Amino acid sequence: MLLFVTVFSSDALGDVVYRLDSGDKLKVTVYEEKSLSGKFEVSGEGVVSLPLIGVVDAKGASIREMEERITSKLIDGYLKNPRVSIEVLNYRPFYILGEVQEPGSYPYVNGMTILNAVALGGGYTYRANKDKITLIRAGDPSRDGTKVGPETRVLPGDVVRVEERFF
């Protein structure tokens, strides 16, 4: 009997930086400025409306980039030395399609892998090809899937597809 083993790194798609998008809920803290701090949602247009400084573009920004954008707007005529911290409270969902018991959208949990996503989808169907799982990253303009293994990280907005096997 021959046994073929495919080895995947812990993240076959490399180091991934989380990028904000519509539906993310943020907690913005401006230290020692309670009136400027609070919970905000990234709108459908990909912006966050904050007190005093107004609209800040969030779509595609990392947490660090968003902190810098808010800080620069606050420095521009409002505060001398603002210290801004951002935490994501609720991530947008991810999607699992294909040969799982219950395909659909599911709430993202930090640290999620392909194996966790399949489990949330009720497990594989009897026709699932466990060696042919593709992942489409949210924000990937090509929308080309990448073949991944069970330990690959899933991010909010990603689409996981479990292909059908043929006998």
C-alpha atoms as a PDB file:
ATOM      1  CA  MET A   1       0.000   0.000   0.000  1.00  0.00           C
ATOM      2  CA  LEU A   2       1.360   3.413  -0.989  1.00  0.00           C
ATOM      3  CA  LEU A   3       0.747   6.395   1.235  1.00  0.00           C
ATOM      4  CA  PHE A   4       1.178   9.902  -0.105  1.00  0.00           C
ATOM      5  CA  VAL A   5       1.440  12.711   2.389  1.00  0.00           C
ATOM      6  CA  THR A   6       1.224  16.352   1.410  1.00  0.00           C
ATOM      7  CA  VAL A   7       2.966  18.694   3.813  1.00  0.00           C
ATOM      8  CA  PHE A   8       1.636  22.206   4.256  1.00  0.00           C
ATOM      9  CA  SER A   9       3.180  24.989   6.275  1.00  0.00           C
ATOM     10  CA  SER A  10       1.144  26.369   9.135  1.00  0.00           C
ATOM     11  CA  ASP A  11       0.031  29.070   6.723  1.00  0.00           C
ATOM     12  CA  ALA A  12       0.406  28.099   3.086  1.00  0.00           C
ATOM     13  CA  LEU A  13      -0.385  31.646   2.015  1.00  0.00           C
ATOM     14  CA  GLY A  14       2.435  33.267   4.000  1.00  0.00           C
ATOM     15  CA  ASP A  15       2.165  35.821   6.743  1.00  0.00           C
ATOM     16  CA  VAL A  16      -1.204  37.467   6.446  1.00  0.00           C
ATOM     17  CA  VAL A  17      -2.041  40.917   7.773  1.00  0.00           C
ATOM     18  CA  TYR A  18      -5.699  41.446   8.588  1.00  0.00           C
ATOM     19  CA  ARG A  19      -7.299  44.152   6.439  1.00  0.00           C
ATOM     20  CA  LEU A  20     -10.408  46.033   7.501  1.00  0.00           C
ATOM     21  CA  ASP A  21     -13.539  46.027   5.368  1.00  0.00           C
ATOM     22  CA  SER A  22     -17.298  46.585   5.497  1.00  0.00           C
ATOM     23  CA  GLY A  23     -18.988  44.949   8.462  1.00  0.00           C
ATOM     24  CA  ASP A  24     -16.051  45.026  10.861  1.00  0.00           C
ATOM     25  CA  LYS A  25     -16.850  46.537  14.266  1.00  0.00           C
ATOM     26  CA  LEU A  26     -14.047  48.466  15.938  1.00  0.00           C
ATOM     27  CA  LYS A  27     -13.298  49.800  19.376  1.00  0.00           C
ATOM     28  CA  VAL A  28     -11.306  53.000  18.965  1.00  0.00           C
ATOM     29  CA  THR A  29      -9.590  54.328  22.082  1.00  0.00           C
ATOM     30  CA  VAL A  30      -8.026  57.785  22.128  1.00  0.00           C
ATOM     31  CA  TYR A  31      -6.202  57.834  25.460  1.00  0.00           C
ATOM     32  CA  GLU A  32      -7.456  60.428  27.937  1.00  0.00           C
ATOM     33  CA  GLU A  33     -10.149  61.512  25.437  1.00  0.00           C
ATOM     34  CA  LYS A  34     -13.313  59.576  26.294  1.00  0.00           C
ATOM     35  CA  SER A  35     -15.465  61.763  24.075  1.00  0.00           C
ATOM     36  CA  LEU A  36     -13.417  60.675  21.030  1.00  0.00           C
ATOM     37  CA  SER A  37     -13.361  56.985  21.959  1.00  0.00           C
ATOM     38  CA  GLY A  38     -16.073  54.427  21.294  1.00  0.00           C
ATOM     39  CA  LYS A  39     -17.375  51.558  19.196  1.00  0.00           C
ATOM     40  CA  PHE A  40     -17.693  52.130  15.463  1.00  0.00           C
ATOM     41  CA  GLU A  41     -18.591  50.041  12.411  1.00  0.00           C
ATOM     42  CA  VAL A  42     -16.921  50.087   9.013  1.00  0.00           C
ATOM     43  CA  SER A  43     -19.728  51.156   6.667  1.00  0.00           C
ATOM     44  CA  GLY A  44     -20.673  49.614   3.337  1.00  0.00           C
ATOM     45  CA  GLU A  45     -18.503  52.249   1.667  1.00  0.00           C
ATOM     46  CA  GLY A  46     -15.511  51.143   3.750  1.00  0.00           C
ATOM     47  CA  VAL A  47     -15.316  54.212   5.987  1.00  0.00           C
ATOM     48  CA  VAL A  48     -15.633  54.914   9.699  1.00  0.00           C
ATOM     49  CA  SER A  49     -17.280  58.104  10.930  1.00  0.00           C
ATOM     50  CA  LEU A  50     -15.570  59.372  14.082  1.00  0.00           C
ATOM     51  CA  PRO A  51     -16.384  62.302  16.365  1.00  0.00           C
ATOM     52  CA  LEU A  52     -14.532  65.551  15.692  1.00  0.00           C
ATOM     53  CA  ILE A  53     -12.511  64.326  12.705  1.00  0.00           C
ATOM     54  CA  GLY A  54     -15.343  62.876  10.600  1.00  0.00           C
ATOM     55  CA  VAL A  55     -14.911  60.177   7.985  1.00  0.00           C
ATOM     56  CA  VAL A  56     -11.760  58.025   7.886  1.00  0.00           C
ATOM     57  CA  ASP A  57     -11.156  55.552   5.058  1.00  0.00           C
ATOM     58  CA  ALA A  58     -10.798  52.047   6.516  1.00  0.00           C
ATOM     59  CA  LYS A  59     -11.259  49.678   3.560  1.00  0.00           C
ATOM     60  CA  GLY A  60      -8.112  47.643   3.034  1.00  0.00           C
ATOM     61  CA  ALA A  61      -6.237  49.236   5.932  1.00  0.00           C
ATOM     62  CA  SER A  62      -4.437  47.184   8.565  1.00  0.00           C
ATOM     63  CA  ILE A  63      -5.110  47.957  12.224  1.00  0.00           C
ATOM     64  CA  ARG A  64      -1.765  49.791  12.443  1.00  0.00           C
ATOM     65  CA  GLU A  65      -2.513  51.850   9.300  1.00  0.00           C
ATOM     66  CA  MET A  66      -5.938  52.794  10.674  1.00  0.00           C
ATOM     67  CA  GLU A  67      -4.382  53.919  13.972  1.00  0.00           C
ATOM     68  CA  GLU A  68      -1.941  56.083  12.006  1.00  0.00           C
ATOM     69  CA  ARG A  69      -4.734  57.607   9.864  1.00  0.00           C
ATOM     70  CA  ILE A  70      -6.747  58.579  12.929  1.00  0.00           C
ATOM     71  CA  THR A  71      -3.655  59.894  14.727  1.00  0.00           C
ATOM     72  CA  SER A  72      -2.674  62.090  11.764  1.00  0.00           C
ATOM     73  CA  LYS A  73      -6.187  63.564  11.537  1.00  0.00           C
ATOM     74  CA  LEU A  74      -6.206  64.289  15.280  1.00  0.00           C
ATOM     75  CA  ILE A  75      -2.767  65.952  15.130  1.00  0.00           C
ATOM     76  CA  ASP A  76      -3.996  68.207  12.329  1.00  0.00           C
ATOM     77  CA  GLY A  77      -5.467  70.908  14.566  1.00  0.00           C
ATOM     78  CA  TYR A  78      -7.168  68.934  17.333  1.00  0.00           C
ATOM     79  CA  LEU A  79      -4.732  67.234  19.752  1.00  0.00           C
ATOM     80  CA  LYS A  80      -1.013  67.705  20.422  1.00  0.00           C
ATOM     81  CA  ASN A  81       0.045  64.110  21.043  1.00  0.00           C
ATOM     82  CA  PRO A  82      -2.858  61.708  20.439  1.00  0.00           C
ATOM     83  CA  ARG A  83      -2.381  58.061  21.317  1.00  0.00           C
ATOM     84  CA  VAL A  84      -4.814  55.849  19.418  1.00  0.00           C
ATOM     85  CA  SER A  85      -5.501  52.161  19.873  1.00  0.00           C
ATOM     86  CA  ILE A  86      -7.872  50.048  17.792  1.00  0.00           C
ATOM     87  CA  GLU A  87      -9.326  46.637  18.577  1.00  0.00           C
ATOM     88  CA  VAL A  88     -11.595  44.624  16.290  1.00  0.00           C
ATOM     89  CA  LEU A  89     -14.685  43.658  18.287  1.00  0.00           C
ATOM     90  CA  ASN A  90     -16.593  41.723  15.615  1.00  0.00           C
ATOM     91  CA  TYR A  91     -15.090  40.431  12.394  1.00  0.00           C
ATOM     92  CA  ARG A  92     -17.083  40.015   9.211  1.00  0.00           C
ATOM     93  CA  PRO A  93     -18.066  36.383   8.460  1.00  0.00           C
ATOM     94  CA  PHE A  94     -16.207  33.849   6.325  1.00  0.00           C
ATOM     95  CA  TYR A  95     -17.874  31.474   3.859  1.00  0.00           C
ATOM     96  CA  ILE A  96     -17.564  27.736   3.344  1.00  0.00           C
ATOM     97  CA  LEU A  97     -18.959  26.135   0.197  1.00  0.00           C
ATOM     98  CA  GLY A  98     -19.005  22.782  -1.536  1.00  0.00           C
ATOM     99  CA  GLU A  99     -18.880  19.380   0.032  1.00  0.00           C
ATOM    100  CA  VAL A 100     -19.617  20.155   3.680  1.00  0.00           C
ATOM    101  CA  GLN A 101     -22.805  19.239   5.521  1.00  0.00           C
ATOM    102  CA  GLU A 102     -23.975  22.846   6.015  1.00  0.00           C
ATOM    103  CA  PRO A 103     -22.378  25.299   3.567  1.00  0.00           C
ATOM    104  CA  GLY A 104     -22.913  28.976   4.252  1.00  0.00           C
ATOM    105  CA  SER A 105     -21.544  31.982   6.098  1.00  0.00           C
ATOM    106  CA  TYR A 106     -20.235  31.656   9.635  1.00  0.00           C
ATOM    107  CA  PRO A 107     -18.936  34.121  12.215  1.00  0.00           C
ATOM    108  CA  TYR A 108     -15.161  34.352  12.248  1.00  0.00           C
ATOM    109  CA  VAL A 109     -13.247  33.307  15.354  1.00  0.00           C
ATOM    110  CA  ASN A 110      -9.680  34.499  15.815  1.00  0.00           C
ATOM    111  CA  GLY A 111      -7.091  31.845  14.949  1.00  0.00           C
ATOM    112  CA  MET A 112      -9.442  29.840  12.723  1.00  0.00           C
ATOM    113  CA  THR A 113      -8.013  27.202  10.376  1.00  0.00           C
ATOM    114  CA  ILE A 114      -9.496  25.295   7.427  1.00  0.00           C
ATOM    115  CA  LEU A 115     -10.146  22.342   9.737  1.00  0.00           C
ATOM    116  CA  ASN A 116     -12.111  24.583  12.146  1.00  0.00           C
ATOM    117  CA  ALA A 117     -14.097  26.021   9.233  1.00  0.00           C
ATOM    118  CA  VAL A 118     -15.032  22.541   7.998  1.00  0.00           C
ATOM    119  CA  ALA A 119     -16.117  21.591  11.515  1.00  0.00           C
ATOM    120  CA  LEU A 120     -18.355  24.671  11.714  1.00  0.00           C
ATOM    121  CA  GLY A 121     -19.860  23.600   8.396  1.00  0.00           C
ATOM    122  CA  GLY A 122     -20.886  20.282   9.950  1.00  0.00           C
ATOM    123  CA  GLY A 123     -17.951  18.264   8.609  1.00  0.00           C
ATOM    124  CA  TYR A 124     -17.236  16.780   5.205  1.00  0.00           C
ATOM    125  CA  THR A 125     -19.877  15.053   3.111  1.00  0.00           C
ATOM    126  CA  TYR A 126     -19.151  11.520   1.916  1.00  0.00           C
ATOM    127  CA  ARG A 127     -18.286  12.973  -1.523  1.00  0.00           C
ATOM    128  CA  ALA A 128     -15.761  15.536  -0.260  1.00  0.00           C
ATOM    129  CA  ASN A 129     -12.249  15.546  -1.691  1.00  0.00           C
ATOM    130  CA  LYS A 130     -10.270  16.351   1.448  1.00  0.00           C
ATOM    131  CA  ASP A 131      -7.129  16.860  -0.627  1.00  0.00           C
ATOM    132  CA  LYS A 132      -8.710  19.492  -2.868  1.00  0.00           C
ATOM    133  CA  ILE A 133      -9.672  22.495  -0.759  1.00  0.00           C
ATOM    134  CA  THR A 134      -9.308  25.981  -2.188  1.00  0.00           C
ATOM    135  CA  LEU A 135      -9.206  29.298  -0.392  1.00  0.00           C
ATOM    136  CA  ILE A 136     -10.046  32.668  -1.925  1.00  0.00           C
ATOM    137  CA  ARG A 137      -8.767  35.526   0.217  1.00  0.00           C
ATOM    138  CA  ALA A 138     -11.092  38.455   0.766  1.00  0.00           C
ATOM    139  CA  GLY A 139      -9.823  41.394  -1.222  1.00  0.00           C
ATOM    140  CA  ASP A 140      -7.955  39.240  -3.752  1.00  0.00           C
ATOM    141  CA  PRO A 141      -8.816  41.003  -7.021  1.00  0.00           C
ATOM    142  CA  SER A 142      -8.055  37.929  -9.145  1.00  0.00           C
ATOM    143  CA  ARG A 143     -10.474  35.779  -7.093  1.00  0.00           C
ATOM    144  CA  ASP A 144      -8.247  32.811  -7.931  1.00  0.00           C
ATOM    145  CA  GLY A 145      -8.313  30.094  -5.343  1.00  0.00           C
ATOM    146  CA  THR A 146      -5.187  28.659  -3.745  1.00  0.00           C
ATOM    147  CA  LYS A 147      -4.952  24.991  -2.813  1.00  0.00           C
ATOM    148  CA  VAL A 148      -4.605  24.764   0.967  1.00  0.00           C
ATOM    149  CA  GLY A 149      -4.245  22.236   3.753  1.00  0.00           C
ATOM    150  CA  PRO A 150      -6.144  21.755   7.012  1.00  0.00           C
ATOM    151  CA  GLU A 151      -3.848  23.994   9.087  1.00  0.00           C
ATOM    152  CA  THR A 152      -4.026  27.044   6.793  1.00  0.00           C
ATOM    153  CA  ARG A 153      -5.425  30.115   8.538  1.00  0.00           C
ATOM    154  CA  VAL A 154      -8.803  31.476   7.505  1.00  0.00           C
ATOM    155  CA  LEU A 155      -9.512  35.205   7.750  1.00  0.00           C
ATOM    156  CA  PRO A 156     -12.798  37.142   7.810  1.00  0.00           C
ATOM    157  CA  GLY A 157     -14.372  37.451   4.378  1.00  0.00           C
ATOM    158  CA  ASP A 158     -12.462  34.446   3.006  1.00  0.00           C
ATOM    159  CA  VAL A 159     -14.221  31.814   0.906  1.00  0.00           C
ATOM    160  CA  VAL A 160     -13.330  28.167   1.551  1.00  0.00           C
ATOM    161  CA  ARG A 161     -14.398  25.637  -1.067  1.00  0.00           C
ATOM    162  CA  VAL A 162     -14.300  21.861  -0.546  1.00  0.00           C
ATOM    163  CA  GLU A 163     -14.353  20.171  -3.939  1.00  0.00           C
ATOM    164  CA  GLU A 164     -16.236  17.005  -4.860  1.00  0.00           C
ATOM    165  CA  ARG A 165     -14.290  13.819  -5.464  1.00  0.00           C
ATOM    166  CA  PHE A 166     -15.071  11.563  -8.367  1.00  0.00           C
ATOM    167  CA  PHE A 167     -14.759   7.807  -8.093  1.00  0.00           C
END
